[in-house]
N, C-alpha and C. Protein backbone atom coordinates (compact mmCIF):
# COMPACT_ATOMS: atom_id res chain seq x y z
N UNK A 1 -69.32 72.90 82.62
CA UNK A 1 -69.89 71.80 83.36
C UNK A 1 -70.03 72.22 84.81
N UNK A 2 -71.09 71.77 85.44
CA UNK A 2 -71.39 72.11 86.83
C UNK A 2 -71.40 70.84 87.65
N UNK A 3 -70.72 70.85 88.79
CA UNK A 3 -70.71 69.71 89.70
C UNK A 3 -71.30 70.14 91.03
N UNK A 4 -72.36 69.43 91.46
CA UNK A 4 -73.04 69.73 92.72
C UNK A 4 -72.78 68.58 93.69
N UNK A 5 -72.40 68.91 94.92
CA UNK A 5 -72.15 67.92 95.96
C UNK A 5 -73.05 68.22 97.14
N UNK A 6 -73.65 67.18 97.69
CA UNK A 6 -74.51 67.31 98.86
C UNK A 6 -73.91 66.52 100.01
N UNK A 7 -73.71 67.20 101.16
CA UNK A 7 -73.06 66.58 102.31
C UNK A 7 -73.89 66.79 103.57
N UNK A 8 -73.78 65.83 104.51
CA UNK A 8 -74.37 66.03 105.82
C UNK A 8 -73.45 66.95 106.62
N UNK A 9 -73.91 67.43 107.78
CA UNK A 9 -73.07 68.31 108.60
C UNK A 9 -71.80 67.61 109.05
N UNK A 10 -71.83 66.29 109.13
CA UNK A 10 -70.64 65.55 109.53
C UNK A 10 -69.74 65.19 108.35
N UNK A 11 -70.09 65.68 107.14
CA UNK A 11 -69.24 65.48 105.97
C UNK A 11 -69.53 64.22 105.18
N UNK A 12 -70.60 63.52 105.51
CA UNK A 12 -70.96 62.29 104.79
C UNK A 12 -71.77 62.66 103.55
N UNK A 13 -71.46 62.01 102.43
CA UNK A 13 -72.18 62.26 101.18
C UNK A 13 -73.67 61.96 101.37
N UNK A 14 -74.52 62.84 100.85
CA UNK A 14 -75.96 62.68 100.98
C UNK A 14 -76.57 62.39 99.60
N UNK A 15 -76.97 61.14 99.36
CA UNK A 15 -77.51 60.77 98.05
C UNK A 15 -78.96 61.18 97.86
N UNK A 16 -79.38 61.22 96.61
CA UNK A 16 -80.79 61.40 96.22
C UNK A 16 -81.38 62.73 96.66
N UNK A 17 -80.57 63.78 96.57
CA UNK A 17 -81.04 65.15 96.80
C UNK A 17 -81.29 65.77 95.44
N UNK A 18 -82.44 66.43 95.29
CA UNK A 18 -82.78 67.04 94.00
C UNK A 18 -82.51 68.54 94.05
N UNK A 19 -81.98 69.05 92.94
CA UNK A 19 -81.67 70.47 92.79
C UNK A 19 -82.30 71.01 91.52
N UNK A 20 -82.70 72.26 91.57
CA UNK A 20 -83.17 72.96 90.37
C UNK A 20 -82.07 73.94 89.96
N UNK A 21 -81.60 73.80 88.75
CA UNK A 21 -80.56 74.67 88.19
C UNK A 21 -81.27 75.59 87.20
N UNK A 22 -81.31 76.88 87.52
CA UNK A 22 -82.07 77.86 86.73
C UNK A 22 -81.13 78.88 86.12
N UNK A 23 -81.27 79.13 84.82
CA UNK A 23 -80.48 80.17 84.18
C UNK A 23 -81.06 81.53 84.56
N UNK A 24 -80.22 82.47 84.88
CA UNK A 24 -80.66 83.81 85.28
C UNK A 24 -81.10 84.62 84.06
N UNK A 25 -80.67 84.22 82.87
CA UNK A 25 -80.97 84.98 81.66
C UNK A 25 -82.44 84.85 81.25
N UNK A 26 -82.96 83.62 81.25
CA UNK A 26 -84.33 83.45 80.78
C UNK A 26 -85.17 82.53 81.67
N UNK A 27 -84.65 82.21 82.84
CA UNK A 27 -85.35 81.44 83.87
C UNK A 27 -85.74 80.03 83.44
N UNK A 28 -85.08 79.49 82.41
CA UNK A 28 -85.28 78.08 82.10
C UNK A 28 -84.54 77.27 83.15
N UNK A 29 -85.07 76.09 83.46
CA UNK A 29 -84.42 75.31 84.50
C UNK A 29 -84.36 73.83 84.15
N UNK A 30 -83.50 73.15 84.90
CA UNK A 30 -83.34 71.71 84.80
C UNK A 30 -83.28 71.18 86.22
N UNK A 31 -83.98 70.09 86.49
CA UNK A 31 -83.92 69.46 87.81
C UNK A 31 -83.04 68.23 87.72
N UNK A 32 -82.11 68.11 88.68
CA UNK A 32 -81.15 67.01 88.70
C UNK A 32 -81.13 66.40 90.10
N UNK A 33 -80.62 65.16 90.21
CA UNK A 33 -80.57 64.48 91.50
C UNK A 33 -79.19 63.88 91.72
N UNK A 34 -78.70 63.99 92.97
CA UNK A 34 -77.39 63.43 93.29
C UNK A 34 -77.44 61.90 93.26
N UNK A 35 -76.30 61.31 92.96
CA UNK A 35 -76.17 59.86 92.91
C UNK A 35 -75.90 59.30 94.31
N UNK A 36 -75.54 58.02 94.38
CA UNK A 36 -75.28 57.38 95.67
C UNK A 36 -74.08 57.98 96.40
N UNK A 37 -73.23 58.72 95.67
CA UNK A 37 -72.06 59.38 96.27
C UNK A 37 -72.34 60.83 96.62
N UNK A 38 -73.60 61.27 96.51
CA UNK A 38 -73.96 62.64 96.86
C UNK A 38 -73.52 63.67 95.84
N UNK A 39 -73.28 63.23 94.60
CA UNK A 39 -72.80 64.15 93.57
C UNK A 39 -73.63 64.03 92.30
N UNK A 40 -73.70 65.13 91.58
CA UNK A 40 -74.30 65.13 90.26
C UNK A 40 -73.51 66.12 89.39
N UNK A 41 -73.27 65.72 88.15
CA UNK A 41 -72.61 66.59 87.19
C UNK A 41 -73.62 66.98 86.13
N UNK A 42 -73.72 68.27 85.89
CA UNK A 42 -74.66 68.80 84.90
C UNK A 42 -73.83 69.31 83.73
N UNK A 43 -73.95 68.64 82.59
CA UNK A 43 -73.20 69.02 81.41
C UNK A 43 -74.07 69.79 80.43
N UNK A 44 -73.48 70.24 79.39
CA UNK A 44 -74.15 70.94 78.29
C UNK A 44 -74.93 72.16 78.76
N UNK A 45 -74.35 72.90 79.69
CA UNK A 45 -74.93 74.18 80.09
C UNK A 45 -74.14 75.29 79.42
N UNK A 46 -74.80 76.22 78.77
CA UNK A 46 -74.06 77.34 78.19
C UNK A 46 -73.48 78.23 79.29
N UNK A 47 -72.42 78.92 78.97
CA UNK A 47 -71.83 79.86 79.92
C UNK A 47 -72.87 80.89 80.32
N UNK A 48 -72.81 81.32 81.57
CA UNK A 48 -73.75 82.33 82.05
C UNK A 48 -73.95 82.22 83.55
N UNK A 49 -74.95 82.95 84.02
CA UNK A 49 -75.25 82.97 85.46
C UNK A 49 -76.41 82.01 85.75
N UNK A 50 -76.26 81.29 86.87
CA UNK A 50 -77.25 80.29 87.26
C UNK A 50 -77.55 80.39 88.75
N UNK A 51 -78.76 79.98 89.09
CA UNK A 51 -79.15 79.84 90.50
C UNK A 51 -79.37 78.35 90.74
N UNK A 52 -78.83 77.85 91.85
CA UNK A 52 -78.99 76.45 92.22
C UNK A 52 -79.74 76.41 93.54
N UNK A 53 -80.87 75.69 93.55
CA UNK A 53 -81.70 75.60 94.74
C UNK A 53 -82.07 74.14 94.98
N UNK A 54 -81.97 73.73 96.23
CA UNK A 54 -82.38 72.40 96.62
C UNK A 54 -83.91 72.32 96.60
N UNK A 55 -84.45 71.25 96.04
CA UNK A 55 -85.91 71.14 95.95
C UNK A 55 -86.46 69.88 96.61
N UNK A 56 -85.64 68.88 96.92
CA UNK A 56 -86.10 67.67 97.61
C UNK A 56 -84.92 66.98 98.29
N UNK A 57 -85.17 66.46 99.49
CA UNK A 57 -84.13 65.76 100.26
C UNK A 57 -84.70 64.43 100.78
N UNK A 58 -83.82 63.49 101.12
CA UNK A 58 -84.29 62.22 101.68
C UNK A 58 -84.97 62.44 103.05
N UNK A 59 -85.79 61.48 103.43
CA UNK A 59 -86.42 61.53 104.76
C UNK A 59 -85.36 61.67 105.84
N UNK A 60 -85.67 62.46 106.85
CA UNK A 60 -84.75 62.66 107.95
C UNK A 60 -83.86 63.88 107.81
N UNK A 61 -83.93 64.57 106.67
CA UNK A 61 -83.13 65.77 106.44
C UNK A 61 -84.04 66.95 106.14
N UNK A 62 -83.58 68.14 106.50
CA UNK A 62 -84.35 69.35 106.20
C UNK A 62 -83.88 69.96 104.90
N UNK A 63 -84.85 70.47 104.15
CA UNK A 63 -84.55 71.17 102.92
C UNK A 63 -83.75 72.43 103.23
N UNK A 64 -82.64 72.63 102.54
CA UNK A 64 -81.83 73.84 102.74
C UNK A 64 -82.61 75.03 102.18
N UNK A 65 -82.79 76.03 102.99
CA UNK A 65 -83.57 77.19 102.59
C UNK A 65 -82.67 78.28 102.02
N UNK A 66 -81.74 77.85 101.18
CA UNK A 66 -80.82 78.79 100.55
C UNK A 66 -80.66 78.42 99.09
N UNK A 67 -80.17 79.34 98.32
CA UNK A 67 -79.78 79.04 96.95
C UNK A 67 -78.39 79.61 96.75
N UNK A 68 -77.73 79.12 95.73
CA UNK A 68 -76.41 79.63 95.39
C UNK A 68 -76.46 80.14 93.96
N UNK A 69 -75.89 81.32 93.75
CA UNK A 69 -75.79 81.88 92.41
C UNK A 69 -74.35 81.76 91.95
N UNK A 70 -74.19 81.26 90.74
CA UNK A 70 -72.84 81.06 90.21
C UNK A 70 -72.75 81.64 88.80
N UNK A 71 -71.52 81.88 88.38
CA UNK A 71 -71.25 82.23 86.99
C UNK A 71 -70.47 81.06 86.40
N UNK A 72 -71.05 80.45 85.40
CA UNK A 72 -70.46 79.28 84.76
C UNK A 72 -69.70 79.72 83.53
N UNK A 73 -68.44 79.25 83.42
CA UNK A 73 -67.64 79.56 82.24
C UNK A 73 -67.19 78.25 81.60
N UNK A 74 -66.10 78.23 80.92
CA UNK A 74 -65.63 77.04 80.22
C UNK A 74 -65.09 75.97 81.17
N UNK A 75 -64.70 76.36 82.35
CA UNK A 75 -64.16 75.43 83.33
C UNK A 75 -65.29 74.80 84.14
N UNK A 76 -64.98 73.73 84.84
CA UNK A 76 -65.96 73.11 85.73
C UNK A 76 -66.14 73.99 86.96
N UNK A 77 -67.38 74.24 87.32
CA UNK A 77 -67.70 74.99 88.51
C UNK A 77 -68.31 74.01 89.50
N UNK A 78 -67.83 74.04 90.74
CA UNK A 78 -68.32 73.11 91.76
C UNK A 78 -68.99 73.89 92.88
N UNK A 79 -70.13 73.38 93.36
CA UNK A 79 -70.83 73.95 94.50
C UNK A 79 -71.18 72.82 95.45
N UNK A 80 -71.28 73.15 96.74
CA UNK A 80 -71.65 72.17 97.76
C UNK A 80 -72.78 72.72 98.61
N UNK A 81 -73.65 71.81 99.04
CA UNK A 81 -74.69 72.13 100.00
C UNK A 81 -74.49 71.21 101.20
N UNK A 82 -74.59 71.76 102.42
CA UNK A 82 -74.37 70.99 103.65
C UNK A 82 -75.66 70.98 104.45
N UNK A 83 -76.00 69.80 104.99
CA UNK A 83 -77.22 69.62 105.79
C UNK A 83 -76.86 69.32 107.22
């Protein structure tokens, strides 16, 4: 399971941010959006390597021009993006 958190620079949860989660093995992807608490949990992902990239943010925020690569195993993996 993958947990993504989106935060402002001041540490406030940033809701309604969209992320693309792409498998490195075959480049299939899923787009997900954070909830009102700035979090989204992505379940039913097979173990492997993934790239997470921000693809949409609320008005007033800049799109993060970075991606994070992770290796997902049986445990929950958590990543955060800060704006």
